[in-house]
């Protein structure tokens, strides 16, 4: 379980790094992104390990990456664009 946790944290950090490289202007600070990715992956590993039990290392790591990606997607901000006002609001 220790090695699964370590691998999940590393996968979460790698996922955070790739998110920061691809969407630097739509994410908050790097510290928040790295923390969210690592903790999301650790929670995903814990959740998957609790659901499947021991002996499913690959499935646990897949669950860790999946939950880590979902938590990172919650940090993405919309592109900055000006909203058009409706005719009724004018």
PDB file of N, CA and C in Angstrom:
ATOM      1  N   UNK A   1       0.819  -1.194   0.000  1.00  0.00           N
ATOM      2  CA  UNK A   1       0.000   0.000   0.000  1.00  0.00           C
ATOM      3  C   UNK A   1       0.864   1.260   0.000  1.00  0.00           C
ATOM      4  N   UNK A   2       2.023   1.196   0.628  1.00  0.00           N
ATOM      5  CA  UNK A   2       2.915   2.364   0.653  1.00  0.00           C
ATOM      6  C   UNK A   2       3.381   2.692  -0.758  1.00  0.00           C
ATOM      7  N   UNK A   3       3.744   1.667  -1.523  1.00  0.00           N
ATOM      8  CA  UNK A   3       4.229   1.909  -2.887  1.00  0.00           C
ATOM      9  C   UNK A   3       3.107   2.394  -3.794  1.00  0.00           C
ATOM     10  N   UNK A   4       1.900   1.907  -3.577  1.00  0.00           N
ATOM     11  CA  UNK A   4       0.756   2.407  -4.349  1.00  0.00           C
ATOM     12  C   UNK A   4       0.517   3.882  -4.057  1.00  0.00           C
ATOM     13  N   UNK A   5       0.633   4.269  -2.794  1.00  0.00           N
ATOM     14  CA  UNK A   5       0.436   5.671  -2.424  1.00  0.00           C
ATOM     15  C   UNK A   5       1.525   6.557  -3.027  1.00  0.00           C
ATOM     16  N   UNK A   6       2.748   6.088  -2.968  1.00  0.00           N
ATOM     17  CA  UNK A   6       3.860   6.847  -3.540  1.00  0.00           C
ATOM     18  C   UNK A   6       3.696   7.000  -5.052  1.00  0.00           C
ATOM     19  N   UNK A   7       3.330   5.916  -5.724  1.00  0.00           N
ATOM     20  CA  UNK A   7       3.121   5.969  -7.174  1.00  0.00           C
ATOM     21  C   UNK A   7       1.938   6.865  -7.527  1.00  0.00           C
ATOM     22  N   UNK A   8       0.881   6.827  -6.725  1.00  0.00           N
ATOM     23  CA  UNK A   8      -0.288   7.673  -6.984  1.00  0.00           C
ATOM     24  C   UNK A   8       0.074   9.142  -6.832  1.00  0.00           C
ATOM     25  N   UNK A   9       0.850   9.473  -5.800  1.00  0.00           N
ATOM     26  CA  UNK A   9       1.265  10.865  -5.612  1.00  0.00           C
ATOM     27  C   UNK A   9       2.134  11.330  -6.771  1.00  0.00           C
ATOM     28  N   UNK A  10       3.042  10.485  -7.233  1.00  0.00           N
ATOM     29  CA  UNK A  10       3.876  10.850  -8.384  1.00  0.00           C
ATOM     30  C   UNK A  10       3.048  11.013  -9.654  1.00  0.00           C
ATOM     31  N   UNK A  11       2.073  10.150  -9.850  1.00  0.00           N
ATOM     32  CA  UNK A  11       1.202  10.288 -11.021  1.00  0.00           C
ATOM     33  C   UNK A  11       0.368  11.564 -10.935  1.00  0.00           C
ATOM     34  N   UNK A  12      -0.075  11.915  -9.750  1.00  0.00           N
ATOM     35  CA  UNK A  12      -0.821  13.161  -9.572  1.00  0.00           C
ATOM     36  C   UNK A  12       0.036  14.376  -9.857  1.00  0.00           C
ATOM     37  N   UNK A  13       1.301  14.331  -9.421  1.00  0.00           N
ATOM     38  CA  UNK A  13       2.210  15.441  -9.717  1.00  0.00           C
ATOM     39  C   UNK A  13       2.515  15.534 -11.212  1.00  0.00           C
ATOM     40  N   UNK A  14       2.674  14.391 -11.867  1.00  0.00           N
ATOM     41  CA  UNK A  14       2.911  14.392 -13.311  1.00  0.00           C
ATOM     42  C   UNK A  14       1.690  14.919 -14.064  1.00  0.00           C
ATOM     43  N   UNK A  15       0.513  14.557 -13.601  1.00  0.00           N
ATOM     44  CA  UNK A  15      -0.722  15.061 -14.211  1.00  0.00           C
ATOM     45  C   UNK A  15      -0.849  16.568 -14.018  1.00  0.00           C
ATOM     46  N   UNK A  16      -0.465  17.046 -12.850  1.00  0.00           N
ATOM     47  CA  UNK A  16      -0.499  18.485 -12.576  1.00  0.00           C
ATOM     48  C   UNK A  16       0.499  19.231 -13.448  1.00  0.00           C
ATOM     49  N   UNK A  17       1.676  18.659 -13.607  1.00  0.00           N
ATOM     50  CA  UNK A  17       2.703  19.283 -14.446  1.00  0.00           C
ATOM     51  C   UNK A  17       2.215  19.399 -15.885  1.00  0.00           C
ATOM     52  N   UNK A  18       1.594  18.335 -16.402  1.00  0.00           N
ATOM     53  CA  UNK A  18       1.116  18.396 -17.787  1.00  0.00           C
ATOM     54  C   UNK A  18      -0.056  19.375 -17.920  1.00  0.00           C
ATOM     55  N   UNK A  19      -0.883  19.492 -16.888  1.00  0.00           N
ATOM     56  CA  UNK A  19      -1.981  20.463 -16.936  1.00  0.00           C
ATOM     57  C   UNK A  19      -1.439  21.888 -16.926  1.00  0.00           C
ATOM     58  N   UNK A  20      -0.417  22.132 -16.121  1.00  0.00           N
ATOM     59  CA  UNK A  20       0.175  23.476 -16.091  1.00  0.00           C
ATOM     60  C   UNK A  20       0.883  23.816 -17.390  1.00  0.00           C
ATOM     61  N   UNK A  21       1.454  22.815 -18.050  1.00  0.00           N
ATOM     62  CA  UNK A  21       2.129  23.066 -19.330  1.00  0.00           C
ATOM     63  C   UNK A  21       1.133  23.339 -20.458  1.00  0.00           C
ATOM     64  N   UNK A  22      -0.025  22.689 -20.406  1.00  0.00           N
ATOM     65  CA  UNK A  22      -0.974  22.851 -21.507  1.00  0.00           C
ATOM     66  C   UNK A  22      -1.964  23.991 -21.289  1.00  0.00           C
ATOM     67  N   UNK A  23      -2.285  24.325 -20.049  1.00  0.00           N
ATOM     68  CA  UNK A  23      -3.260  25.376 -19.756  1.00  0.00           C
ATOM     69  C   UNK A  23      -2.729  26.362 -18.715  1.00  0.00           C
ATOM     70  N   UNK A  24      -1.614  27.031 -18.972  1.00  0.00           N
ATOM     71  CA  UNK A  24      -1.041  27.888 -17.921  1.00  0.00           C
ATOM     72  C   UNK A  24      -1.891  29.110 -17.588  1.00  0.00           C
ATOM     73  N   UNK A  25      -2.616  29.639 -18.559  1.00  0.00           N
ATOM     74  CA  UNK A  25      -3.385  30.861 -18.316  1.00  0.00           C
ATOM     75  C   UNK A  25      -4.770  30.595 -17.724  1.00  0.00           C
ATOM     76  N   UNK A  26      -5.203  29.335 -17.698  1.00  0.00           N
ATOM     77  CA  UNK A  26      -6.543  29.021 -17.205  1.00  0.00           C
ATOM     78  C   UNK A  26      -6.544  28.321 -15.858  1.00  0.00           C
ATOM     79  N   UNK A  27      -5.369  28.183 -15.245  1.00  0.00           N
ATOM     80  CA  UNK A  27      -5.260  27.525 -13.940  1.00  0.00           C
ATOM     81  C   UNK A  27      -4.740  28.501 -12.899  1.00  0.00           C
ATOM     82  N   UNK A  28      -5.067  28.270 -11.629  1.00  0.00           N
ATOM     83  CA  UNK A  28      -4.519  29.133 -10.569  1.00  0.00           C
ATOM     84  C   UNK A  28      -3.032  28.871 -10.374  1.00  0.00           C
ATOM     85  N   UNK A  29      -2.488  29.277  -9.269  1.00  0.00           N
ATOM     86  CA  UNK A  29      -1.053  29.162  -9.022  1.00  0.00           C
ATOM     87  C   UNK A  29      -0.590  27.705  -9.086  1.00  0.00           C
ATOM     88  N   UNK A  30       0.691  27.553  -9.379  1.00  0.00           N
ATOM     89  CA  UNK A  30       1.250  26.216  -9.503  1.00  0.00           C
ATOM     90  C   UNK A  30       1.164  25.411  -8.222  1.00  0.00           C
ATOM     91  N   UNK A  31       1.319  26.070  -7.094  1.00  0.00           N
ATOM     92  CA  UNK A  31       1.250  25.375  -5.806  1.00  0.00           C
ATOM     93  C   UNK A  31      -0.127  24.747  -5.607  1.00  0.00           C
ATOM     94  N   UNK A  32      -1.164  25.470  -5.942  1.00  0.00           N
ATOM     95  CA  UNK A  32      -2.521  24.934  -5.785  1.00  0.00           C
ATOM     96  C   UNK A  32      -2.774  23.777  -6.751  1.00  0.00           C
ATOM     97  N   UNK A  33      -2.245  23.895  -7.957  1.00  0.00           N
ATOM     98  CA  UNK A  33      -2.456  22.836  -8.948  1.00  0.00           C
ATOM     99  C   UNK A  33      -1.717  21.569  -8.539  1.00  0.00           C
ATOM    100  N   UNK A  34      -0.469  21.686  -8.110  1.00  0.00           N
ATOM    101  CA  UNK A  34       0.292  20.509  -7.690  1.00  0.00           C
ATOM    102  C   UNK A  34      -0.330  19.851  -6.461  1.00  0.00           C
ATOM    103  N   UNK A  35      -0.773  20.656  -5.519  1.00  0.00           N
ATOM    104  CA  UNK A  35      -1.395  20.112  -4.315  1.00  0.00           C
ATOM    105  C   UNK A  35      -2.702  19.401  -4.649  1.00  0.00           C
ATOM    106  N   UNK A  36      -3.507  19.999  -5.499  1.00  0.00           N
ATOM    107  CA  UNK A  36      -4.785  19.396  -5.882  1.00  0.00           C
ATOM    108  C   UNK A  36      -4.574  18.101  -6.646  1.00  0.00           C
ATOM    109  N   UNK A  37      -3.619  18.089  -7.564  1.00  0.00           N
ATOM    110  CA  UNK A  37      -3.362  16.873  -8.334  1.00  0.00           C
ATOM    111  C   UNK A  37      -2.869  15.726  -7.471  1.00  0.00           C
ATOM    112  N   UNK A  38      -1.943  16.026  -6.572  1.00  0.00           N
ATOM    113  CA  UNK A  38      -1.394  14.969  -5.711  1.00  0.00           C
ATOM    114  C   UNK A  38      -2.445  14.449  -4.735  1.00  0.00           C
ATOM    115  N   UNK A  39      -3.175  15.352  -4.099  1.00  0.00           N
ATOM    116  CA  UNK A  39      -4.193  14.910  -3.142  1.00  0.00           C
ATOM    117  C   UNK A  39      -5.362  14.209  -3.832  1.00  0.00           C
ATOM    118  N   UNK A  40      -5.720  14.665  -5.017  1.00  0.00           N
ATOM    119  CA  UNK A  40      -6.781  13.987  -5.766  1.00  0.00           C
ATOM    120  C   UNK A  40      -6.378  12.581  -6.162  1.00  0.00           C
ATOM    121  N   UNK A  41      -5.129  12.413  -6.584  1.00  0.00           N
ATOM    122  CA  UNK A  41      -4.657  11.085  -6.944  1.00  0.00           C
ATOM    123  C   UNK A  41      -4.548  10.178  -5.719  1.00  0.00           C
ATOM    124  N   UNK A  42      -4.110  10.719  -4.605  1.00  0.00           N
ATOM    125  CA  UNK A  42      -4.054   9.915  -3.377  1.00  0.00           C
ATOM    126  C   UNK A  42      -5.451   9.484  -2.934  1.00  0.00           C
ATOM    127  N   UNK A  43      -6.410  10.390  -3.023  1.00  0.00           N
ATOM    128  CA  UNK A  43      -7.778  10.033  -2.667  1.00  0.00           C
ATOM    129  C   UNK A  43      -8.332   8.993  -3.636  1.00  0.00           C
ATOM    130  N   UNK A  44      -8.019   9.133  -4.922  1.00  0.00           N
ATOM    131  CA  UNK A  44      -8.472   8.145  -5.901  1.00  0.00           C
ATOM    132  C   UNK A  44      -7.872   6.775  -5.654  1.00  0.00           C
ATOM    133  N   UNK A  45      -6.596   6.742  -5.266  1.00  0.00           N
ATOM    134  CA  UNK A  45      -5.965   5.463  -4.954  1.00  0.00           C
ATOM    135  C   UNK A  45      -6.599   4.842  -3.725  1.00  0.00           C
ATOM    136  N   UNK A  46      -6.861   5.655  -2.711  1.00  0.00           N
ATOM    137  CA  UNK A  46      -7.504   5.147  -1.496  1.00  0.00           C
ATOM    138  C   UNK A  46      -8.899   4.604  -1.805  1.00  0.00           C
ATOM    139  N   UNK A  47      -9.655   5.352  -2.584  1.00  0.00           N
ATOM    140  CA  UNK A  47     -11.020   4.951  -2.912  1.00  0.00           C
ATOM    141  C   UNK A  47     -11.037   3.658  -3.721  1.00  0.00           C
ATOM    142  N   UNK A  48     -10.165   3.574  -4.718  1.00  0.00           N
ATOM    143  CA  UNK A  48     -10.118   2.377  -5.551  1.00  0.00           C
ATOM    144  C   UNK A  48      -9.610   1.180  -4.768  1.00  0.00           C
ATOM    145  N   UNK A  49      -8.598   1.397  -3.933  1.00  0.00           N
ATOM    146  CA  UNK A  49      -8.072   0.307  -3.120  1.00  0.00           C
ATOM    147  C   UNK A  49      -9.126  -0.189  -2.127  1.00  0.00           C
ATOM    148  N   UNK A  50      -9.888   0.714  -1.570  1.00  0.00           N
ATOM    149  CA  UNK A  50     -10.941   0.312  -0.631  1.00  0.00           C
ATOM    150  C   UNK A  50     -12.056  -0.450  -1.338  1.00  0.00           C
ATOM    151  N   UNK A  51     -12.334  -0.088  -2.588  1.00  0.00           N
ATOM    152  CA  UNK A  51     -13.415  -0.752  -3.317  1.00  0.00           C
ATOM    153  C   UNK A  51     -12.993  -2.122  -3.846  1.00  0.00           C
ATOM    154  N   UNK A  52     -11.756  -2.228  -4.335  1.00  0.00           N
ATOM    155  CA  UNK A  52     -11.314  -3.474  -4.964  1.00  0.00           C
ATOM    156  C   UNK A  52     -10.560  -4.403  -4.030  1.00  0.00           C
ATOM    157  N   UNK A  53      -9.892  -3.839  -3.043  1.00  0.00           N
ATOM    158  CA  UNK A  53      -9.091  -4.649  -2.138  1.00  0.00           C
ATOM    159  C   UNK A  53      -7.656  -4.743  -2.618  1.00  0.00           C
ATOM    160  N   UNK A  54      -6.832  -5.443  -1.860  1.00  0.00           N
ATOM    161  CA  UNK A  54      -5.420  -5.571  -2.236  1.00  0.00           C
ATOM    162  C   UNK A  54      -5.242  -6.480  -3.450  1.00  0.00           C
ATOM    163  N   UNK A  55      -4.136  -6.271  -4.158  1.00  0.00           N
ATOM    164  CA  UNK A  55      -3.830  -7.118  -5.307  1.00  0.00           C
ATOM    165  C   UNK A  55      -4.224  -6.545  -6.647  1.00  0.00           C
ATOM    166  N   UNK A  56      -4.771  -5.359  -6.681  1.00  0.00           N
ATOM    167  CA  UNK A  56      -5.192  -4.726  -7.930  1.00  0.00           C
ATOM    168  C   UNK A  56      -4.422  -3.423  -8.116  1.00  0.00           C
ATOM    169  N   UNK A  57      -3.117  -3.536  -8.280  1.00  0.00           N
ATOM    170  CA  UNK A  57      -2.261  -2.354  -8.319  1.00  0.00           C
ATOM    171  C   UNK A  57      -2.555  -1.501  -9.544  1.00  0.00           C
ATOM    172  N   UNK A  58      -2.645  -2.118 -10.709  1.00  0.00           N
ATOM    173  CA  UNK A  58      -2.880  -1.348 -11.935  1.00  0.00           C
ATOM    174  C   UNK A  58      -4.233  -0.642 -11.897  1.00  0.00           C
ATOM    175  N   UNK A  59      -5.254  -1.332 -11.428  1.00  0.00           N
ATOM    176  CA  UNK A  59      -6.580  -0.711 -11.337  1.00  0.00           C
ATOM    177  C   UNK A  59      -6.583   0.422 -10.315  1.00  0.00           C
ATOM    178  N   UNK A  60      -5.827   0.260  -9.247  1.00  0.00           N
ATOM    179  CA  UNK A  60      -5.728   1.309  -8.239  1.00  0.00           C
ATOM    180  C   UNK A  60      -5.069   2.545  -8.813  1.00  0.00           C
ATOM    181  N   UNK A  61      -4.021   2.361  -9.596  1.00  0.00           N
ATOM    182  CA  UNK A  61      -3.341   3.511 -10.202  1.00  0.00           C
ATOM    183  C   UNK A  61      -4.195   4.166 -11.282  1.00  0.00           C
ATOM    184  N   UNK A  62      -4.965   3.393 -11.994  1.00  0.00           N
ATOM    185  CA  UNK A  62      -5.887   3.971 -12.981  1.00  0.00           C
ATOM    186  C   UNK A  62      -6.959   4.798 -12.271  1.00  0.00           C
ATOM    187  N   UNK A  63      -7.463   4.288 -11.157  1.00  0.00           N
ATOM    188  CA  UNK A  63      -8.425   5.058 -10.365  1.00  0.00           C
ATOM    189  C   UNK A  63      -7.813   6.326  -9.810  1.00  0.00           C
ATOM    190  N   UNK A  64      -6.542   6.258  -9.416  1.00  0.00           N
ATOM    191  CA  UNK A  64      -5.854   7.446  -8.893  1.00  0.00           C
ATOM    192  C   UNK A  64      -5.733   8.516  -9.968  1.00  0.00           C
ATOM    193  N   UNK A  65      -5.348   8.122 -11.168  1.00  0.00           N
ATOM    194  CA  UNK A  65      -5.209   9.095 -12.258  1.00  0.00           C
ATOM    195  C   UNK A  65      -6.568   9.667 -12.642  1.00  0.00           C
ATOM    196  N   UNK A  66      -7.578   8.831 -12.636  1.00  0.00           N
ATOM    197  CA  UNK A  66      -8.921   9.310 -13.004  1.00  0.00           C
ATOM    198  C   UNK A  66      -9.443  10.354 -12.020  1.00  0.00           C
ATOM    199  N   UNK A  67      -9.355  10.083 -10.745  1.00  0.00           N
ATOM    200  CA  UNK A  67      -9.843  11.032  -9.749  1.00  0.00           C
ATOM    201  C   UNK A  67      -8.961  12.280  -9.718  1.00  0.00           C
ATOM    202  N   UNK A  68      -7.654  12.100  -9.910  1.00  0.00           N
ATOM    203  CA  UNK A  68      -6.764  13.258  -9.977  1.00  0.00           C
ATOM    204  C   UNK A  68      -7.097  14.166 -11.142  1.00  0.00           C
ATOM    205  N   UNK A  69      -7.418  13.583 -12.295  1.00  0.00           N
ATOM    206  CA  UNK A  69      -7.788  14.393 -13.454  1.00  0.00           C
ATOM    207  C   UNK A  69      -9.106  15.121 -13.230  1.00  0.00           C
ATOM    208  N   UNK A  70     -10.042  14.471 -12.567  1.00  0.00           N
ATOM    209  CA  UNK A  70     -11.330  15.115 -12.293  1.00  0.00           C
ATOM    210  C   UNK A  70     -11.145  16.292 -11.343  1.00  0.00           C
ATOM    211  N   UNK A  71     -10.344  16.115 -10.300  1.00  0.00           N
ATOM    212  CA  UNK A  71     -10.150  17.221  -9.368  1.00  0.00           C
ATOM    213  C   UNK A  71      -9.385  18.371 -10.014  1.00  0.00           C
ATOM    214  N   UNK A  72      -8.455  18.050 -10.904  1.00  0.00           N
ATOM    215  CA  UNK A  72      -7.758  19.130 -11.614  1.00  0.00           C
ATOM    216  C   UNK A  72      -8.684  19.855 -12.573  1.00  0.00           C
ATOM    217  N   UNK A  73      -9.621  19.143 -13.159  1.00  0.00           N
ATOM    218  CA  UNK A  73     -10.544  19.803 -14.084  1.00  0.00           C
ATOM    219  C   UNK A  73     -11.447  20.804 -13.379  1.00  0.00           C
ATOM    220  N   UNK A  74     -11.628  20.629 -12.072  1.00  0.00           N
ATOM    221  CA  UNK A  74     -12.438  21.584 -11.326  1.00  0.00           C
ATOM    222  C   UNK A  74     -11.739  22.921 -11.133  1.00  0.00           C
ATOM    223  N   UNK A  75     -10.430  22.957 -11.326  1.00  0.00           N
ATOM    224  CA  UNK A  75      -9.682  24.200 -11.166  1.00  0.00           C
ATOM    225  C   UNK A  75      -9.648  25.061 -12.428  1.00  0.00           C
ATOM    226  N   UNK A  76     -10.016  24.492 -13.565  1.00  0.00           N
ATOM    227  CA  UNK A  76      -9.907  25.220 -14.830  1.00  0.00           C
ATOM    228  C   UNK A  76     -10.926  26.350 -14.871  1.00  0.00           C
ATOM    229  N   UNK A  77     -10.432  27.540 -15.155  1.00  0.00           N
ATOM    230  CA  UNK A  77     -11.290  28.717 -15.272  1.00  0.00           C
ATOM    231  C   UNK A  77     -11.696  28.899 -16.729  1.00  0.00           C
ATOM    232  N   UNK A  78     -12.841  29.497 -16.975  1.00  0.00           N
ATOM    233  CA  UNK A  78     -13.237  29.753 -18.362  1.00  0.00           C
ATOM    234  C   UNK A  78     -12.322  30.797 -19.004  1.00  0.00           C
ATOM    235  N   UNK A  79     -12.286  30.782 -20.306  1.00  0.00           N
ATOM    236  CA  UNK A  79     -11.492  31.783 -21.018  1.00  0.00           C
ATOM    237  C   UNK A  79     -12.072  33.152 -20.774  1.00  0.00           C
ATOM    238  N   UNK A  80     -11.201  34.118 -20.689  1.00  0.00           N
ATOM    239  CA  UNK A  80     -11.694  35.479 -20.432  1.00  0.00           C
ATOM    240  C   UNK A  80     -12.253  36.060 -21.721  1.00  0.00           C
ATOM    241  N   UNK A  81     -13.513  36.278 -21.720  1.00  0.00           N
ATOM    242  CA  UNK A  81     -14.179  36.887 -22.859  1.00  0.00           C
ATOM    243  C   UNK A  81     -15.286  37.757 -22.332  1.00  0.00           C
ATOM    244  N   UNK A  82     -15.589  38.754 -23.067  1.00  0.00           N
ATOM    245  CA  UNK A  82     -16.617  39.697 -22.643  1.00  0.00           C
ATOM    246  C   UNK A  82     -17.988  39.133 -23.008  1.00  0.00           C
ATOM    247  N   UNK A  83     -18.901  39.173 -22.066  1.00  0.00           N
ATOM    248  CA  UNK A  83     -20.239  38.694 -22.307  1.00  0.00           C
ATOM    249  C   UNK A  83     -21.056  39.757 -23.023  1.00  0.00           C
ATOM    250  N   UNK A  84     -21.790  39.338 -23.992  1.00  0.00           N
ATOM    251  CA  UNK A  84     -22.656  40.265 -24.716  1.00  0.00           C
ATOM    252  C   UNK A  84     -23.915  40.527 -23.896  1.00  0.00           C
ATOM    253  N   UNK A  85     -24.317  41.762 -23.838  1.00  0.00           N
ATOM    254  CA  UNK A  85     -25.524  42.099 -23.086  1.00  0.00           C
ATOM    255  C   UNK A  85     -26.738  41.881 -23.964  1.00  0.00           C
ATOM    256  N   UNK A  86     -27.782  41.423 -23.379  1.00  0.00           N
ATOM    257  CA  UNK A  86     -29.010  41.211 -24.137  1.00  0.00           C
ATOM    258  C   UNK A  86     -29.716  42.551 -24.376  1.00  0.00           C
ATOM    259  N   UNK A  87     -30.621  42.550 -25.305  1.00  0.00           N
ATOM    260  CA  UNK A  87     -31.352  43.781 -25.628  1.00  0.00           C
ATOM    261  C   UNK A  87     -32.243  44.202 -24.459  1.00  0.00           C
ATOM    262  N   UNK A  88     -32.728  43.247 -23.676  1.00  0.00           N
ATOM    263  CA  UNK A  88     -33.594  43.586 -22.558  1.00  0.00           C
ATOM    264  C   UNK A  88     -32.821  44.258 -21.424  1.00  0.00           C
ATOM    265  N   UNK A  89     -31.535  43.983 -21.309  1.00  0.00           N
ATOM    266  CA  UNK A  89     -30.732  44.558 -20.233  1.00  0.00           C
ATOM    267  C   UNK A  89     -30.287  45.983 -20.547  1.00  0.00           C
ATOM    268  N   UNK A  90     -30.379  46.395 -21.763  1.00  0.00           N
ATOM    269  CA  UNK A  90     -29.907  47.723 -22.130  1.00  0.00           C
ATOM    270  C   UNK A  90     -30.914  48.795 -21.908  1.00  0.00           C
TER     271      UNK A  90
END
